[in-house]
Protein backbone atom coordinates (compact mmCIF):
# COMPACT_ATOMS: atom_id res chain seq x y z
CA MET A 1 0.00 0.00 0.00
CA SER A 2 1.27 3.48 -0.87
CA THR A 3 1.48 5.76 2.17
CA LEU A 4 1.36 9.53 2.47
CA LYS A 5 4.38 11.09 4.10
CA VAL A 6 5.50 14.69 4.40
CA PRO A 7 9.08 14.41 5.77
CA SER A 8 9.66 18.10 6.60
CA LEU A 9 8.36 21.66 6.36
CA GLN A 10 10.59 22.02 3.32
CA HIS A 11 8.69 19.16 1.64
CA LEU A 12 5.37 20.73 2.64
CA ALA A 13 6.40 23.95 0.89
CA ARG A 14 7.58 22.09 -2.20
CA ILE A 15 4.38 20.03 -2.43
CA TRP A 16 2.10 23.03 -1.91
CA ARG A 17 0.00 24.11 -4.87
CA PRO A 18 -2.66 26.85 -5.19
CA THR A 19 -5.52 24.30 -5.14
CA PRO A 20 -6.35 21.19 -3.06
CA GLU A 21 -6.48 19.19 -6.31
CA GLY A 22 -2.92 20.26 -7.12
CA VAL A 23 -1.70 19.27 -3.64
CA GLU A 24 -3.50 15.93 -3.95
CA LYS A 25 -1.85 15.25 -7.31
CA GLU A 26 1.64 15.97 -5.92
CA LEU A 27 1.10 13.84 -2.82
CA LEU A 28 -0.18 10.90 -4.87
CA ARG A 29 2.76 11.19 -7.26
CA LEU A 30 5.20 11.06 -4.35
CA ALA A 31 3.38 8.20 -2.62
CA ARG A 32 3.40 6.08 -5.80
CA ASN A 33 6.96 6.94 -6.85
CA LYS A 34 9.31 6.55 -3.90
CA PRO A 35 12.67 8.37 -4.18
CA LEU A 36 15.67 6.24 -5.07
CA PHE A 37 17.71 7.59 -2.15
CA SER A 38 17.58 10.00 0.76
CA TYR A 39 19.77 12.91 1.81
CA GLU A 40 19.29 11.86 5.45
CA ILE A 41 22.85 10.49 5.41
CA LEU A 42 24.05 14.12 5.27
CA LYS A 43 21.98 15.35 8.21
CA ASN A 44 24.81 15.45 10.77
CA VAL A 45 27.63 16.39 8.39
CA PRO A 46 27.48 20.19 9.02
CA PHE A 47 27.54 19.57 12.79
CA ASP A 48 30.49 17.19 12.40
CA PHE A 49 32.39 19.84 10.43
CA LEU A 50 31.56 22.79 12.69
CA TYR A 51 31.62 21.21 16.15
CA PHE A 52 33.83 18.12 15.94
CA LYS A 53 36.09 19.45 13.15
CA VAL A 54 35.90 16.07 11.43
CA PRO A 55 38.18 15.98 8.36
CA LYS A 56 36.44 16.01 5.01
CA GLU A 57 38.22 12.80 4.00
CA GLN A 58 36.81 10.95 7.02
CA VAL A 59 33.26 11.98 6.17
CA ALA A 60 33.83 10.97 2.55
CA ARG A 61 35.06 7.51 3.58
CA GLY A 62 31.96 7.03 5.72
CA ILE A 63 29.69 7.84 2.78
CA GLU A 64 31.67 5.56 0.47
CA ARG A 65 31.15 2.69 2.91
CA LYS A 66 27.42 3.28 3.27
CA GLU A 67 26.50 4.12 -0.33
CA ARG A 68 27.63 1.61 -2.96
CA ARG A 69 25.78 3.09 -5.94
CA LEU A 70 28.41 5.12 -7.78
CA SER A 71 26.25 7.93 -9.20
CA ILE A 72 24.49 8.53 -5.87
CA ARG A 73 27.77 8.31 -3.96
CA ASN A 74 29.38 10.93 -6.24
CA ASN A 75 26.34 13.16 -5.83
CA LEU A 76 26.68 13.00 -2.04
CA LEU A 77 30.44 13.58 -2.16
CA ASP A 78 29.94 16.70 -4.28
CA ILE A 79 27.69 18.06 -1.52
CA VAL A 80 30.19 17.12 1.21
CA ALA A 81 32.94 19.09 -0.55
CA LEU A 82 30.73 22.20 -0.74
CA LEU A 83 29.60 21.80 2.87
CA HIS A 84 33.18 21.51 4.06
CA SER A 85 34.21 24.65 2.20
CA HIS A 86 31.26 26.55 3.67
CA CYS A 87 31.76 25.34 7.25
CA SER A 88 35.49 26.08 7.04
CA SER A 89 34.64 29.75 6.43
CA ILE A 90 32.73 29.97 9.73
CA THR A 91 34.41 30.68 13.08
CA PRO A 92 31.66 29.90 15.57
CA GLU A 93 31.62 30.99 19.20
CA PHE A 94 29.47 27.94 19.91
CA VAL A 95 27.62 25.21 18.00
CA LEU A 96 24.56 23.44 19.40
CA PRO A 97 22.35 20.64 18.08
CA VAL A 98 18.64 21.34 17.69
CA GLY A 99 16.09 18.70 18.64
CA LEU A 100 13.22 17.32 16.59
CA GLN A 101 9.90 19.21 16.78
CA TYR A 102 6.59 18.98 14.95
CA TYR A 103 4.37 21.50 13.21
CA SER A 104 0.73 20.58 13.78
CA LEU A 105 -1.48 21.15 10.74
CA ALA A 106 -4.49 19.09 11.78
CA ARG A 107 -5.47 16.55 14.41
CA ASN A 108 -3.75 13.66 12.63
CA LEU A 109 -1.25 15.62 10.56
CA ARG A 110 2.03 16.71 12.13
CA ILE A 111 5.00 17.71 9.99
CA PRO A 112 8.51 16.97 11.34
CA PHE A 113 10.76 19.96 11.91
CA SER A 114 14.23 18.49 12.24
CA PRO A 115 16.97 21.13 11.94
CA THR A 116 20.66 20.33 12.00
CA LEU A 117 22.15 22.92 14.34
CA MET A 118 22.42 26.51 15.49
CA TYR A 119 25.63 28.49 15.94
CA ARG A 120 26.81 31.92 17.03
CA GLU A 121 29.33 34.06 15.17
CA ASN A 122 30.27 37.71 15.78
CA GLY A 123 27.54 38.04 18.40
CA GLN A 124 24.75 36.82 16.08
CA THR A 125 22.99 33.46 16.43
CA PHE A 126 22.35 31.72 13.12
CA PHE A 127 19.91 28.98 12.29
CA PRO A 128 20.97 27.36 9.00
CA TRP A 129 18.63 25.21 6.94
CA PHE A 130 20.36 23.10 4.30
CA ILE A 131 18.63 22.35 0.98
CA TYR A 132 20.29 19.46 -0.83
CA TRP A 133 17.88 18.97 -3.75
CA ARG A 134 19.84 19.25 -6.98
CA ASP A 135 17.06 20.81 -9.05
CA ASN A 136 13.36 21.67 -8.92
CA PRO A 137 13.87 24.53 -6.46
CA LEU A 138 11.08 26.18 -4.49
CA THR A 139 9.14 28.97 -6.17
CA MET A 140 9.07 32.38 -4.51
CA GLU A 141 5.57 31.65 -3.17
CA GLN A 142 6.73 28.30 -1.75
CA PHE A 143 9.82 29.95 -0.23
CA SER A 144 7.60 32.52 1.48
CA LEU A 145 5.47 29.75 2.97
CA PHE A 146 8.54 27.82 4.13
CA VAL A 147 10.27 30.81 5.72
CA THR A 148 7.06 31.91 7.44
CA LEU A 149 6.55 28.45 8.98
CA VAL A 150 10.18 28.08 10.07
CA GLU A 151 10.24 31.49 11.74
CA GLU A 152 7.01 30.60 13.53
CA MET A 153 8.76 27.50 14.92
CA LEU A 154 11.77 29.59 15.95
CA ARG A 155 9.57 31.98 17.92
CA GLN A 156 8.06 29.06 19.84
CA ASP A 157 11.46 27.85 21.08
CA PRO A 158 13.13 30.16 23.64
CA ALA A 159 16.55 28.77 22.68
CA LEU A 160 16.00 29.70 19.02
CA GLU A 161 14.11 32.97 19.40
CA GLY A 162 16.12 35.77 17.83
CA ALA A 163 18.19 33.42 15.68
CA LYS A 164 18.71 34.55 12.10
CA LEU A 165 17.42 32.06 9.55
CA GLN A 166 19.92 31.10 6.85
CA ILE A 167 18.95 29.00 3.84
CA VAL A 168 22.01 27.19 2.55
CA ASP A 169 21.07 26.11 -0.96
CA ILE A 170 23.31 23.49 -2.61
CA SER A 171 21.45 23.04 -5.88
CA ALA A 172 22.57 23.33 -9.49
CA PRO A 173 21.59 26.28 -11.71
CA SER A 174 20.57 23.79 -14.42
CA LYS A 175 20.73 20.07 -15.11
CA LYS A 176 23.97 20.51 -17.07
CA ASP A 177 25.70 22.63 -14.42
CA PRO A 178 27.48 21.40 -11.28
CA ARG A 179 26.13 22.16 -7.85
CA LYS A 180 27.06 25.38 -6.13
CA LEU A 181 26.50 26.58 -2.57
CA GLU A 182 24.60 29.79 -2.00
CA VAL A 183 23.47 31.33 1.28
CA LEU A 184 20.14 32.95 0.51
CA ASP A 185 19.22 36.31 1.99
CA THR A 186 16.00 35.42 3.78
CA GLU A 187 15.47 39.05 4.79
CA SER A 188 14.47 39.80 1.19
CA LEU A 189 11.85 37.02 1.08
CA PRO A 190 8.29 38.20 1.70
CA ARG A 191 6.56 36.75 4.74
CA LEU A 192 2.95 35.63 4.75
CA SER A 193 0.35 37.30 6.90
CA ASP A 194 -1.56 35.08 9.35
CA SER A 195 -4.57 35.01 7.06
CA GLU A 196 -2.44 34.10 4.02
CA LYS A 197 -0.67 31.37 5.99
CA ARG A 198 -3.97 29.90 7.24
CA GLU A 199 -5.39 29.92 3.72
CA LYS A 200 -2.39 28.13 2.23
CA LEU A 201 -2.27 25.54 5.01
CA ALA A 202 -6.01 24.90 4.69
CA ILE A 203 -5.45 24.16 0.98
CA PHE A 204 -2.66 21.74 1.89
CA VAL A 205 -4.73 19.94 4.53
CA GLU A 206 -7.67 19.54 2.15
CA GLY A 207 -5.34 18.21 -0.54
CA PHE A 208 -3.78 15.79 1.95
CA GLU A 209 -7.20 14.50 3.01
CA ARG A 210 -8.24 14.06 -0.62
CA ALA A 211 -5.08 12.08 -1.37
CA GLN A 212 -5.64 9.95 1.73
CA THR A 213 -9.19 9.15 0.60
CA THR A 214 -7.96 8.25 -2.88
CA LEU A 215 -5.33 5.86 -1.54
CA LEU A 216 -7.81 4.22 0.86
CA SER A 217 -10.26 3.72 -2.01
CA GLU A 218 -7.52 2.06 -4.05
CA VAL A 219 -6.71 -0.27 -1.15
CA HIS A 220 -10.38 -1.16 -0.72
CA GLU A 221 -10.73 -1.87 -4.44
CA GLU A 222 -7.59 -4.05 -4.40
CA GLU A 223 -8.89 -6.01 -1.40
CA MET A 224 -12.23 -6.53 -3.12
CA ASN A 225 -10.49 -7.79 -6.27
CA GLN A 226 -8.38 -10.19 -4.21
CA THR A 227 -11.51 -11.48 -2.43
CA ILE A 228 -13.29 -12.07 -5.75
CA SER A 229 -10.20 -13.75 -7.18
CA SER A 230 -9.88 -16.03 -4.15
CA SER A 231 -13.58 -16.88 -4.33
CA ASN A 232 -13.32 -17.79 -8.01
CA THR A 233 -10.25 -19.94 -7.35
CA ALA A 234 -12.04 -21.78 -4.57
CA GLN A 235 -14.89 -22.64 -6.96
CA LEU A 236 -12.64 -24.17 -9.63
CA PRO A 237 -12.54 -27.75 -8.22
CA LEU A 238 -16.34 -27.78 -8.00
CA PHE A 239 -16.75 -27.03 -11.69
CA GLN A 240 -13.83 -29.24 -12.73
CA ASN A 241 -15.35 -32.26 -10.97
CA SER A 242 -18.87 -31.60 -12.08
CA ASP A 243 -20.54 -34.02 -14.51
CA LEU A 244 -22.56 -31.19 -16.00
């Protein structure tokens, strides 16, 4: 059975569309076409570089041991090289891990909010969010939704309140170009008003519920077909042995 999963607020923003039907379509596409790999293996790499000062070569060897598929391994190693260069340019006063939290959209719909770390440099606390997707970046409208939701989460955590959000984008300008690392200026991104945020989240929740209903209907139909098939199979000996 295909299952609906929204792994992070970043995924919520990427999936969001202006209509519930559009959200439903994206969720169903993702549920039916699972990704070939995950960037989860990179989650602790920035912390390892900034806090533990782990050498780049050691991180690379760890990835080479865990990921045997050459194209995916090279993709991850490209990101590691860019992360190391970026982290080497930072001289933090402190580096702290940030625990897992959840953003509640509806009674049975909570979206994980799992940041990597926070650090302080030159008297300013920074909260970096790393985007590893190679292409298909967020639109400006999706970025606004994402930044608005993240900053709402930051305000709810006394340890993170006042931290400056950084989006560290490690995508490629085009499919033919290599990746590059860019720290986006989130100050220039428009924030959503409370009414705009509620409207967009309501669209997402409705789309999620529609997709859930569609998948449950498919499961019910599959179970019915299996029941009919089993029933027909059970009847075969009766007809085969019949003298009629």
